[in-house]
């Protein structure tokens, strides 16, 4: 008699591995609450977001103008009048969103303004941050993003950054429904007082692409 034939089931063919989706990267920036539910930031900080939050809350881009400013909408925030500065040069302070002990905070960074350029040692979160003159009035918003690849011992060294032009800033502030303080002159103030006055208006903007 013929010997029985034993067959071995063929091993299942493995499916080709699917390419991994690119990781979601949080591009931290700062924003300025100028009116209830309205925030201004740098337009390049919020381009192409799959999800966008302001202060940890969902947000949407309302407008992004040619002046490099984006207006965001979110379900929170209140603000008083804003005093705009006409300073074209001199000492300035940038109010950037940061973190201290795991909680949101505002970091005051000294610098110098020359026209529409700011020289300062900004860190992650500096893009979109408001820049104030020595009296605490708003000069502009930081358009450039600090280059973390240049960090030395975890800190990004000083660099020059583009600022919003005064005309574009004024138009964006008004269009967002903010109240502009007409006062054009004030006495110099301290950094501590600036932080106290602006802390509630500076928020973290996170764009996940």
N, C-alpha and C. Protein backbone atom coordinates (compact mmCIF):
# COMPACT_ATOMS: atom_id res chain seq x y z
N UNK A 1 0.85 -1.19 0.00
CA UNK A 1 0.00 0.00 0.00
C UNK A 1 0.88 1.24 0.00
N UNK A 2 0.36 2.28 -0.63
CA UNK A 2 1.14 3.52 -0.68
C UNK A 2 1.22 4.17 0.69
N UNK A 3 2.35 4.70 0.99
CA UNK A 3 2.53 5.37 2.29
C UNK A 3 1.68 6.62 2.33
N UNK A 4 1.07 6.92 3.49
CA UNK A 4 0.25 8.13 3.59
C UNK A 4 1.09 9.39 3.37
N UNK A 5 0.48 10.35 2.74
CA UNK A 5 1.16 11.61 2.47
C UNK A 5 0.75 12.65 3.50
N UNK A 6 1.72 13.22 4.17
CA UNK A 6 1.43 14.24 5.21
C UNK A 6 1.72 15.61 4.64
N UNK A 7 0.77 16.50 4.75
CA UNK A 7 0.96 17.87 4.26
C UNK A 7 1.04 18.83 5.43
N UNK A 8 1.89 19.83 5.29
CA UNK A 8 2.05 20.85 6.33
C UNK A 8 1.42 22.15 5.84
N UNK A 9 0.48 22.71 6.62
CA UNK A 9 -0.17 23.96 6.17
C UNK A 9 0.87 25.05 5.94
N UNK A 10 0.69 25.77 4.85
CA UNK A 10 1.61 26.86 4.55
C UNK A 10 1.49 27.97 5.60
N UNK A 11 2.61 28.51 5.97
CA UNK A 11 2.59 29.61 6.95
C UNK A 11 1.91 30.83 6.34
N UNK A 12 1.08 31.50 7.11
CA UNK A 12 0.40 32.69 6.57
C UNK A 12 1.40 33.76 6.15
N UNK A 13 1.11 34.38 5.03
CA UNK A 13 1.99 35.42 4.53
C UNK A 13 1.84 36.68 5.38
N UNK A 14 2.93 37.19 5.89
CA UNK A 14 2.86 38.38 6.75
C UNK A 14 2.52 39.60 5.91
N UNK A 15 1.63 40.42 6.44
CA UNK A 15 1.27 41.66 5.75
C UNK A 15 2.43 42.64 5.83
N UNK A 16 2.65 43.36 4.75
CA UNK A 16 3.73 44.36 4.81
C UNK A 16 3.46 45.39 5.90
N UNK A 17 4.51 45.78 6.58
CA UNK A 17 4.35 46.76 7.66
C UNK A 17 3.86 48.09 7.12
N UNK A 18 2.90 48.65 7.83
CA UNK A 18 2.37 49.95 7.43
C UNK A 18 3.30 51.06 7.93
N UNK A 19 3.52 52.06 7.11
CA UNK A 19 4.40 53.16 7.56
C UNK A 19 3.79 53.88 8.75
N UNK A 20 4.63 54.22 9.67
CA UNK A 20 4.16 54.92 10.86
C UNK A 20 3.77 56.35 10.51
N UNK A 21 2.69 56.82 11.14
CA UNK A 21 2.27 58.21 10.93
C UNK A 21 3.28 59.12 11.59
N UNK A 22 3.55 60.26 11.00
CA UNK A 22 4.50 61.18 11.64
C UNK A 22 4.00 61.59 13.01
N UNK A 23 4.89 61.73 13.97
CA UNK A 23 4.45 62.11 15.32
C UNK A 23 3.82 63.49 15.34
N UNK A 24 2.89 63.66 16.26
CA UNK A 24 2.26 64.96 16.43
C UNK A 24 3.20 65.84 17.25
N UNK A 25 3.59 66.95 16.68
CA UNK A 25 4.58 67.81 17.33
C UNK A 25 3.90 69.09 17.81
N UNK A 26 4.07 69.42 19.08
CA UNK A 26 3.50 70.64 19.63
C UNK A 26 4.46 71.79 19.40
N UNK A 27 4.01 72.77 18.67
CA UNK A 27 4.83 73.95 18.41
C UNK A 27 4.37 75.04 19.37
N UNK A 28 5.03 75.15 20.50
CA UNK A 28 4.61 76.09 21.54
C UNK A 28 4.87 77.53 21.13
N UNK A 29 3.90 78.36 21.35
CA UNK A 29 4.01 79.80 21.08
C UNK A 29 3.22 80.53 22.16
N UNK A 30 3.20 81.85 22.05
CA UNK A 30 2.44 82.67 22.98
C UNK A 30 1.36 83.44 22.23
N UNK A 31 0.35 83.83 22.94
CA UNK A 31 -0.70 84.66 22.36
C UNK A 31 -1.11 85.74 23.35
N UNK A 32 -1.74 86.77 22.83
CA UNK A 32 -2.18 87.89 23.67
C UNK A 32 -3.70 88.02 23.59
N UNK A 33 -4.35 87.89 24.74
CA UNK A 33 -5.80 88.07 24.80
C UNK A 33 -6.09 89.57 24.70
N UNK A 34 -6.80 89.96 23.64
CA UNK A 34 -7.06 91.39 23.42
C UNK A 34 -8.53 91.75 23.63
N UNK A 35 -9.40 90.75 23.62
CA UNK A 35 -10.82 90.96 23.82
C UNK A 35 -11.40 89.63 24.28
N UNK A 36 -12.61 89.62 24.86
CA UNK A 36 -13.20 88.35 25.30
C UNK A 36 -13.21 87.31 24.19
N UNK A 37 -12.52 86.18 24.43
CA UNK A 37 -12.49 85.09 23.46
C UNK A 37 -11.63 85.32 22.24
N UNK A 38 -10.84 86.40 22.21
CA UNK A 38 -10.02 86.71 21.04
C UNK A 38 -8.54 86.85 21.43
N UNK A 39 -7.69 86.17 20.66
CA UNK A 39 -6.26 86.15 20.93
C UNK A 39 -5.49 86.49 19.66
N UNK A 40 -4.44 87.29 19.79
CA UNK A 40 -3.56 87.58 18.67
C UNK A 40 -2.25 86.82 18.86
N UNK A 41 -1.72 86.29 17.76
CA UNK A 41 -0.43 85.61 17.80
C UNK A 41 0.21 85.71 16.42
N UNK A 42 1.39 85.13 16.26
CA UNK A 42 2.06 85.11 14.96
C UNK A 42 1.36 84.11 14.05
N UNK A 43 1.07 84.53 12.81
CA UNK A 43 0.34 83.66 11.88
C UNK A 43 1.11 82.37 11.59
N UNK A 44 2.44 82.46 11.50
CA UNK A 44 3.22 81.26 11.20
C UNK A 44 3.22 80.25 12.34
N UNK A 45 2.82 80.66 13.52
CA UNK A 45 2.77 79.74 14.66
C UNK A 45 1.56 78.83 14.60
N UNK A 46 0.56 79.19 13.80
CA UNK A 46 -0.69 78.42 13.79
C UNK A 46 -1.06 77.93 12.39
N UNK A 47 -0.10 77.91 11.48
CA UNK A 47 -0.38 77.44 10.13
C UNK A 47 -0.35 75.92 10.05
N UNK A 48 -1.35 75.33 9.40
CA UNK A 48 -1.37 73.88 9.18
C UNK A 48 -1.59 73.05 10.42
N UNK A 49 -2.31 73.56 11.40
CA UNK A 49 -2.53 72.80 12.64
C UNK A 49 -3.62 71.73 12.45
N UNK A 50 -3.34 70.52 12.94
CA UNK A 50 -4.39 69.50 13.01
C UNK A 50 -5.28 69.74 14.22
N UNK A 51 -4.68 70.27 15.26
CA UNK A 51 -5.46 70.69 16.43
C UNK A 51 -4.76 71.91 17.02
N UNK A 52 -5.56 72.79 17.58
CA UNK A 52 -5.04 74.07 18.09
C UNK A 52 -5.69 74.36 19.43
N UNK A 53 -4.86 74.70 20.41
CA UNK A 53 -5.40 75.07 21.72
C UNK A 53 -4.78 76.38 22.18
N UNK A 54 -5.55 77.11 22.97
CA UNK A 54 -5.11 78.34 23.60
C UNK A 54 -5.35 78.18 25.10
N UNK A 55 -4.28 78.23 25.86
CA UNK A 55 -4.42 78.01 27.29
C UNK A 55 -5.02 76.65 27.61
N UNK A 56 -4.74 75.66 26.74
CA UNK A 56 -5.25 74.31 26.95
C UNK A 56 -6.67 74.09 26.47
N UNK A 57 -7.30 75.11 25.87
CA UNK A 57 -8.68 74.99 25.41
C UNK A 57 -8.73 75.06 23.88
N UNK A 58 -9.65 74.31 23.25
CA UNK A 58 -9.74 74.30 21.79
C UNK A 58 -9.91 75.70 21.23
N UNK A 59 -9.24 75.95 20.10
CA UNK A 59 -9.31 77.28 19.48
C UNK A 59 -9.37 77.12 17.96
N UNK A 60 -9.79 78.17 17.29
CA UNK A 60 -9.83 78.19 15.83
C UNK A 60 -9.19 79.48 15.33
N UNK A 61 -8.67 79.42 14.11
CA UNK A 61 -8.10 80.61 13.49
C UNK A 61 -9.22 81.37 12.80
N UNK A 62 -9.40 82.63 13.19
CA UNK A 62 -10.44 83.47 12.60
C UNK A 62 -9.92 84.16 11.36
N UNK A 63 -8.77 84.80 11.50
CA UNK A 63 -8.14 85.48 10.36
C UNK A 63 -6.63 85.37 10.49
N UNK A 64 -5.95 85.48 9.35
CA UNK A 64 -4.49 85.57 9.31
C UNK A 64 -4.18 86.61 8.24
N UNK A 65 -3.67 87.77 8.67
CA UNK A 65 -3.51 88.87 7.71
C UNK A 65 -2.10 88.96 7.15
N UNK A 66 -1.95 89.86 6.19
CA UNK A 66 -0.65 90.03 5.52
C UNK A 66 0.42 90.59 6.45
N UNK A 67 0.01 91.14 7.58
CA UNK A 67 0.98 91.68 8.53
C UNK A 67 1.61 90.63 9.41
N UNK A 68 1.27 89.35 9.17
CA UNK A 68 1.85 88.27 9.94
C UNK A 68 1.14 87.97 11.24
N UNK A 69 -0.06 88.55 11.43
CA UNK A 69 -0.80 88.37 12.68
C UNK A 69 -2.00 87.47 12.45
N UNK A 70 -2.22 86.52 13.35
CA UNK A 70 -3.40 85.67 13.31
C UNK A 70 -4.30 86.00 14.49
N UNK A 71 -5.60 86.01 14.24
CA UNK A 71 -6.59 86.20 15.30
C UNK A 71 -7.23 84.85 15.58
N UNK A 72 -7.20 84.43 16.83
CA UNK A 72 -7.76 83.15 17.24
C UNK A 72 -8.99 83.37 18.10
N UNK A 73 -9.87 82.38 18.07
CA UNK A 73 -11.08 82.44 18.89
C UNK A 73 -11.09 81.23 19.82
N UNK A 74 -11.39 81.47 21.10
CA UNK A 74 -11.53 80.37 22.06
C UNK A 74 -12.53 80.77 23.13
N UNK A 75 -13.03 79.77 23.85
CA UNK A 75 -14.12 80.02 24.78
C UNK A 75 -13.63 80.43 26.16
N UNK A 76 -12.94 81.54 26.22
CA UNK A 76 -12.45 82.03 27.51
C UNK A 76 -11.79 83.38 27.27
N UNK A 77 -11.28 83.95 28.33
CA UNK A 77 -10.47 85.15 28.21
C UNK A 77 -11.26 86.44 28.29
N UNK A 78 -10.73 87.35 29.04
CA UNK A 78 -11.28 88.69 29.12
C UNK A 78 -10.11 89.65 29.23
N UNK A 79 -10.32 90.87 28.77
CA UNK A 79 -9.20 91.81 28.76
C UNK A 79 -9.70 93.24 28.85
N UNK A 80 -8.87 94.07 29.46
CA UNK A 80 -9.18 95.48 29.52
C UNK A 80 -8.59 96.20 28.32
N UNK A 81 -8.52 97.51 28.42
CA UNK A 81 -8.01 98.32 27.30
C UNK A 81 -6.51 98.08 27.09
N UNK A 82 -6.09 98.24 25.85
CA UNK A 82 -4.69 98.07 25.49
C UNK A 82 -4.11 99.41 25.08
N UNK A 83 -2.96 99.73 25.66
CA UNK A 83 -2.26 100.96 25.28
C UNK A 83 -1.16 100.61 24.30
N UNK A 84 -1.22 101.17 23.11
CA UNK A 84 -0.23 100.89 22.07
C UNK A 84 0.93 101.86 22.17
N UNK A 85 2.13 101.36 21.89
CA UNK A 85 3.33 102.18 21.98
C UNK A 85 3.78 102.64 20.60
N UNK A 86 4.35 103.82 20.56
CA UNK A 86 4.91 104.33 19.32
C UNK A 86 6.44 104.25 19.33
N UNK A 87 7.00 103.59 20.34
CA UNK A 87 8.45 103.49 20.47
C UNK A 87 9.04 102.73 19.29
N UNK A 88 10.06 103.31 18.66
CA UNK A 88 10.72 102.67 17.52
C UNK A 88 12.08 102.11 17.90
N UNK A 89 12.56 102.45 19.10
CA UNK A 89 13.83 101.91 19.56
C UNK A 89 13.92 102.06 21.08
N UNK A 90 14.78 101.26 21.67
CA UNK A 90 14.99 101.35 23.11
C UNK A 90 14.76 100.03 23.81
N UNK A 91 14.87 100.07 25.15
CA UNK A 91 14.70 98.87 25.96
C UNK A 91 13.26 98.36 25.84
N UNK A 92 13.14 97.03 25.89
CA UNK A 92 11.83 96.42 25.77
C UNK A 92 11.78 95.14 26.60
N UNK A 93 10.58 94.69 26.90
CA UNK A 93 10.39 93.45 27.66
C UNK A 93 9.38 92.58 26.93
N UNK A 94 9.76 91.34 26.68
CA UNK A 94 8.85 90.38 26.04
C UNK A 94 8.18 89.54 27.10
N UNK A 95 6.85 89.43 27.01
CA UNK A 95 6.07 88.63 27.95
C UNK A 95 5.68 87.32 27.28
N UNK A 96 6.47 86.26 27.53
CA UNK A 96 6.23 84.97 26.87
C UNK A 96 5.58 83.99 27.83
N UNK A 97 4.79 83.09 27.25
CA UNK A 97 4.18 82.04 28.08
C UNK A 97 5.26 81.04 28.46
N UNK A 98 5.17 80.53 29.67
CA UNK A 98 6.16 79.56 30.14
C UNK A 98 5.52 78.61 31.12
N UNK A 99 6.35 77.94 31.88
CA UNK A 99 5.86 76.96 32.85
C UNK A 99 6.76 77.00 34.06
N UNK A 100 6.14 76.95 35.22
CA UNK A 100 6.90 76.94 36.47
C UNK A 100 6.25 75.95 37.42
N UNK A 101 6.99 74.90 37.78
CA UNK A 101 6.44 73.89 38.67
C UNK A 101 5.25 73.18 38.07
N UNK A 102 5.25 73.02 36.74
CA UNK A 102 4.14 72.34 36.07
C UNK A 102 2.93 73.21 35.84
N UNK A 103 3.00 74.47 36.21
CA UNK A 103 1.87 75.38 36.02
C UNK A 103 2.24 76.48 35.04
N UNK A 104 1.22 76.97 34.33
CA UNK A 104 1.45 78.03 33.35
C UNK A 104 1.93 79.29 34.05
N UNK A 105 2.83 79.99 33.41
CA UNK A 105 3.35 81.23 33.98
C UNK A 105 3.73 82.17 32.85
N UNK A 106 4.17 83.36 33.20
CA UNK A 106 4.63 84.34 32.23
C UNK A 106 6.09 84.64 32.52
N UNK A 107 6.91 84.61 31.46
CA UNK A 107 8.33 84.86 31.60
C UNK A 107 8.65 86.21 30.97
N UNK A 108 9.24 87.11 31.75
CA UNK A 108 9.63 88.43 31.25
C UNK A 108 11.07 88.37 30.76
N UNK A 109 11.27 88.68 29.47
CA UNK A 109 12.60 88.60 28.87
C UNK A 109 13.03 89.99 28.42
N UNK A 110 14.13 90.53 28.96
CA UNK A 110 14.60 91.85 28.54
C UNK A 110 15.18 91.80 27.13
N UNK A 111 15.12 92.93 26.45
CA UNK A 111 15.66 93.01 25.10
C UNK A 111 15.74 94.44 24.63
N UNK A 112 15.98 94.60 23.34
CA UNK A 112 16.07 95.94 22.76
C UNK A 112 15.37 95.95 21.41
N UNK A 113 14.58 96.99 21.20
CA UNK A 113 13.84 97.15 19.93
C UNK A 113 14.54 98.17 19.06
N UNK A 114 14.70 97.83 17.77
CA UNK A 114 15.20 98.76 16.77
C UNK A 114 14.28 98.67 15.56
N UNK A 115 13.36 99.60 15.46
CA UNK A 115 12.38 99.56 14.39
C UNK A 115 11.45 98.37 14.56
N UNK A 116 11.40 97.49 13.57
CA UNK A 116 10.56 96.30 13.66
C UNK A 116 11.40 95.06 13.94
N UNK A 117 12.50 95.23 14.68
CA UNK A 117 13.36 94.12 15.07
C UNK A 117 13.55 94.13 16.57
N UNK A 118 13.60 92.93 17.14
CA UNK A 118 13.82 92.77 18.57
C UNK A 118 15.05 91.91 18.79
N UNK A 119 15.96 92.37 19.64
CA UNK A 119 17.12 91.58 20.04
C UNK A 119 16.87 91.08 21.46
N UNK A 120 16.78 89.76 21.62
CA UNK A 120 16.50 89.21 22.94
C UNK A 120 16.82 87.72 22.97
N UNK A 121 17.02 87.19 24.16
CA UNK A 121 17.30 85.76 24.35
C UNK A 121 15.99 85.02 24.59
N UNK A 122 15.16 84.95 23.56
CA UNK A 122 13.86 84.28 23.69
C UNK A 122 14.05 82.76 23.70
N UNK A 123 13.16 82.09 24.41
CA UNK A 123 13.18 80.64 24.49
C UNK A 123 11.92 80.06 23.85
N UNK A 124 11.76 78.75 23.95
CA UNK A 124 10.56 78.10 23.41
C UNK A 124 9.32 78.78 23.97
N UNK A 125 8.38 79.11 23.12
CA UNK A 125 7.18 79.82 23.54
C UNK A 125 7.24 81.29 23.26
N UNK A 126 8.39 81.79 22.75
CA UNK A 126 8.55 83.22 22.52
C UNK A 126 7.83 83.74 21.29
N UNK A 127 7.60 82.86 20.30
CA UNK A 127 6.92 83.32 19.09
C UNK A 127 5.49 83.75 19.42
N UNK A 128 5.09 84.91 18.90
CA UNK A 128 3.75 85.43 19.15
C UNK A 128 3.61 86.23 20.43
N UNK A 129 4.68 86.28 21.22
CA UNK A 129 4.62 86.96 22.51
C UNK A 129 4.57 88.48 22.34
N UNK A 130 3.84 89.18 23.23
CA UNK A 130 3.80 90.64 23.18
C UNK A 130 5.10 91.25 23.69
N UNK A 131 5.49 92.36 23.06
CA UNK A 131 6.70 93.09 23.45
C UNK A 131 6.27 94.47 23.94
N UNK A 132 6.74 94.84 25.13
CA UNK A 132 6.31 96.08 25.78
C UNK A 132 7.46 97.07 25.87
N UNK A 133 7.11 98.36 25.87
CA UNK A 133 8.13 99.38 26.09
C UNK A 133 8.32 99.58 27.59
N UNK A 134 9.13 100.54 27.98
CA UNK A 134 9.46 100.71 29.41
C UNK A 134 8.28 101.18 30.25
N UNK A 135 7.21 101.65 29.60
CA UNK A 135 6.03 102.09 30.35
C UNK A 135 4.96 101.00 30.42
N UNK A 136 5.23 99.86 29.75
CA UNK A 136 4.25 98.77 29.75
C UNK A 136 3.27 98.83 28.60
N UNK A 137 3.51 99.68 27.62
CA UNK A 137 2.64 99.77 26.45
C UNK A 137 3.09 98.76 25.39
N UNK A 138 2.16 98.30 24.56
CA UNK A 138 2.42 97.26 23.59
C UNK A 138 3.10 97.80 22.33
N UNK A 139 4.31 97.30 22.05
CA UNK A 139 5.04 97.68 20.85
C UNK A 139 4.64 96.79 19.68
N UNK A 140 4.59 95.48 19.92
CA UNK A 140 4.27 94.54 18.85
C UNK A 140 4.30 93.11 19.34
N UNK A 141 4.16 92.17 18.40
CA UNK A 141 4.23 90.75 18.69
C UNK A 141 5.46 90.17 17.99
N UNK A 142 6.06 89.17 18.59
CA UNK A 142 7.22 88.50 17.99
C UNK A 142 6.74 87.60 16.86
N UNK A 143 7.27 87.81 15.66
CA UNK A 143 6.87 86.99 14.52
C UNK A 143 7.75 85.76 14.35
N UNK A 144 9.05 85.89 14.66
CA UNK A 144 9.97 84.78 14.47
C UNK A 144 9.88 83.75 15.59
N UNK A 145 10.33 82.54 15.26
CA UNK A 145 10.32 81.45 16.25
C UNK A 145 11.74 81.19 16.74
N UNK A 146 11.97 81.17 18.06
CA UNK A 146 13.30 80.86 18.58
C UNK A 146 13.78 79.51 18.06
N UNK A 147 15.03 79.47 17.62
CA UNK A 147 15.61 78.26 17.03
C UNK A 147 16.20 77.38 18.12
N UNK A 148 15.46 76.32 18.48
CA UNK A 148 15.92 75.45 19.56
C UNK A 148 17.18 74.68 19.19
N UNK A 149 17.48 74.57 17.89
CA UNK A 149 18.70 73.87 17.47
C UNK A 149 19.95 74.64 17.86
N UNK A 150 19.79 75.94 18.18
CA UNK A 150 20.94 76.77 18.57
C UNK A 150 21.18 76.75 20.08
N UNK A 151 20.37 76.00 20.81
CA UNK A 151 20.46 76.00 22.27
C UNK A 151 21.81 75.51 22.75
N UNK A 152 22.32 76.18 23.77
CA UNK A 152 23.58 75.80 24.43
C UNK A 152 23.25 75.57 25.90
N UNK A 153 23.53 74.35 26.36
CA UNK A 153 23.20 73.98 27.74
C UNK A 153 21.72 74.22 28.03
N UNK A 154 20.88 73.98 27.00
CA UNK A 154 19.43 74.08 27.18
C UNK A 154 18.86 75.46 27.00
N UNK A 155 19.71 76.46 26.73
CA UNK A 155 19.22 77.82 26.57
C UNK A 155 19.55 78.35 25.18
N UNK A 156 18.60 79.03 24.56
CA UNK A 156 18.80 79.61 23.24
C UNK A 156 19.47 80.98 23.42
N UNK A 157 20.59 81.23 22.78
CA UNK A 157 21.29 82.52 22.95
C UNK A 157 20.52 83.67 22.30
N UNK A 158 20.90 84.91 22.60
CA UNK A 158 20.22 86.07 22.02
C UNK A 158 20.24 86.03 20.50
N UNK A 159 19.18 86.56 19.91
CA UNK A 159 19.06 86.62 18.45
C UNK A 159 18.14 87.78 18.10
N UNK A 160 18.09 88.12 16.82
CA UNK A 160 17.19 89.17 16.34
C UNK A 160 15.92 88.54 15.78
N UNK A 161 14.78 89.13 16.11
CA UNK A 161 13.48 88.62 15.66
C UNK A 161 12.66 89.74 15.03
N UNK A 162 11.90 89.38 14.00
CA UNK A 162 10.98 90.35 13.40
C UNK A 162 9.81 90.60 14.32
N UNK A 163 9.34 91.86 14.32
CA UNK A 163 8.15 92.24 15.07
C UNK A 163 7.06 92.69 14.09
N UNK A 164 5.84 92.68 14.58
CA UNK A 164 4.74 93.20 13.77
C UNK A 164 4.91 94.71 13.58
N UNK A 165 4.52 95.20 12.43
CA UNK A 165 4.53 96.64 12.19
C UNK A 165 3.41 97.28 12.99
N UNK A 166 3.61 98.52 13.42
CA UNK A 166 2.63 99.20 14.27
C UNK A 166 1.27 99.34 13.59
N UNK A 167 1.27 99.61 12.28
CA UNK A 167 -0.01 99.77 11.59
C UNK A 167 -0.78 98.46 11.54
N UNK A 168 -0.08 97.35 11.27
CA UNK A 168 -0.74 96.04 11.22
C UNK A 168 -1.26 95.65 12.60
N UNK A 169 -0.47 95.94 13.63
CA UNK A 169 -0.89 95.61 14.99
C UNK A 169 -2.14 96.39 15.38
N UNK A 170 -2.13 97.69 15.11
CA UNK A 170 -3.28 98.52 15.45
C UNK A 170 -4.54 98.03 14.75
N UNK A 171 -4.41 97.67 13.46
CA UNK A 171 -5.56 97.19 12.71
C UNK A 171 -6.08 95.88 13.27
N UNK A 172 -5.18 94.96 13.65
CA UNK A 172 -5.59 93.66 14.18
C UNK A 172 -6.25 93.79 15.55
N UNK A 173 -5.70 94.67 16.38
CA UNK A 173 -6.27 94.90 17.71
C UNK A 173 -7.69 95.45 17.59
N UNK A 174 -7.87 96.41 16.70
CA UNK A 174 -9.18 97.02 16.51
C UNK A 174 -10.17 96.01 15.91
N UNK A 175 -9.73 95.25 14.91
CA UNK A 175 -10.61 94.29 14.25
C UNK A 175 -11.06 93.18 15.21
N UNK A 176 -10.23 92.87 16.20
CA UNK A 176 -10.58 91.82 17.16
C UNK A 176 -11.58 92.31 18.21
N UNK A 177 -11.89 93.60 18.16
CA UNK A 177 -12.86 94.15 19.10
C UNK A 177 -12.25 94.62 20.41
N UNK A 178 -10.94 94.84 20.41
CA UNK A 178 -10.28 95.31 21.63
C UNK A 178 -10.53 96.78 21.86
N UNK A 179 -10.45 97.18 23.11
CA UNK A 179 -10.55 98.59 23.48
C UNK A 179 -9.16 99.16 23.56
N UNK A 180 -8.90 100.22 22.79
CA UNK A 180 -7.58 100.84 22.76
C UNK A 180 -7.56 102.05 23.70
N UNK A 181 -6.61 102.04 24.62
CA UNK A 181 -6.43 103.16 25.54
C UNK A 181 -5.80 104.31 24.77
N UNK A 182 -6.45 105.47 24.70
CA UNK A 182 -5.92 106.59 23.92
C UNK A 182 -4.72 107.28 24.54
N UNK A 183 -4.42 106.97 25.81
CA UNK A 183 -3.29 107.63 26.47
C UNK A 183 -2.01 107.37 25.70
N UNK A 184 -1.25 108.42 25.44
CA UNK A 184 -0.03 108.29 24.64
C UNK A 184 1.25 108.43 25.46
N UNK A 185 1.11 108.79 26.72
CA UNK A 185 2.30 108.99 27.54
C UNK A 185 2.10 108.38 28.92
N UNK A 186 3.16 107.83 29.47
CA UNK A 186 3.11 107.25 30.82
C UNK A 186 4.52 107.18 31.36
N UNK A 187 4.62 107.03 32.67
CA UNK A 187 5.92 106.95 33.31
C UNK A 187 6.47 105.52 33.20
N UNK A 188 7.81 105.37 33.14
CA UNK A 188 8.40 104.03 33.14
C UNK A 188 7.95 103.23 34.36
N UNK A 189 7.82 101.93 34.19
CA UNK A 189 7.37 101.08 35.28
C UNK A 189 8.37 99.95 35.49
N UNK A 190 8.11 99.09 36.45
CA UNK A 190 9.03 97.99 36.76
C UNK A 190 8.59 96.71 36.04
N UNK A 191 9.53 95.79 35.90
CA UNK A 191 9.21 94.51 35.27
C UNK A 191 8.15 93.77 36.08
N UNK A 192 8.25 93.83 37.39
CA UNK A 192 7.28 93.16 38.25
C UNK A 192 5.87 93.67 38.02
N UNK A 193 5.72 94.97 37.85
CA UNK A 193 4.40 95.53 37.60
C UNK A 193 3.89 95.15 36.22
N UNK A 194 4.81 95.06 35.25
CA UNK A 194 4.40 94.62 33.91
C UNK A 194 3.85 93.20 33.96
N UNK A 195 4.58 92.32 34.66
CA UNK A 195 4.14 90.93 34.76
C UNK A 195 2.78 90.85 35.43
N UNK A 196 2.59 91.61 36.51
CA UNK A 196 1.31 91.60 37.21
C UNK A 196 0.18 92.09 36.31
N UNK A 197 0.46 93.09 35.48
CA UNK A 197 -0.57 93.68 34.63
C UNK A 197 -0.91 92.81 33.43
N UNK A 198 0.08 92.07 32.91
CA UNK A 198 -0.11 91.33 31.67
C UNK A 198 -0.24 89.82 31.83
N UNK A 199 0.02 89.31 33.03
CA UNK A 199 0.01 87.86 33.24
C UNK A 199 -1.29 87.20 32.81
N UNK A 200 -2.40 87.83 33.09
CA UNK A 200 -3.69 87.23 32.74
C UNK A 200 -4.02 87.31 31.26
N UNK A 201 -3.20 88.04 30.50
CA UNK A 201 -3.50 88.24 29.08
C UNK A 201 -2.58 87.42 28.17
N UNK A 202 -1.49 86.91 28.71
CA UNK A 202 -0.54 86.12 27.92
C UNK A 202 -0.87 84.64 28.09
N UNK A 203 -1.13 83.96 26.97
CA UNK A 203 -1.55 82.56 27.04
C UNK A 203 -0.68 81.69 26.13
N UNK A 204 -0.62 80.41 26.46
CA UNK A 204 0.12 79.45 25.63
C UNK A 204 -0.70 79.05 24.43
N UNK A 205 -0.06 79.02 23.27
CA UNK A 205 -0.70 78.59 22.03
C UNK A 205 0.02 77.33 21.55
N UNK A 206 -0.72 76.23 21.44
CA UNK A 206 -0.12 74.96 21.01
C UNK A 206 -0.78 74.48 19.72
N UNK A 207 0.04 74.28 18.72
CA UNK A 207 -0.41 73.82 17.40
C UNK A 207 0.17 72.44 17.16
N UNK A 208 -0.69 71.44 17.00
CA UNK A 208 -0.21 70.09 16.70
C UNK A 208 -0.44 69.80 15.22
N UNK A 209 0.65 69.53 14.55
CA UNK A 209 0.61 69.34 13.09
C UNK A 209 0.69 67.87 12.71
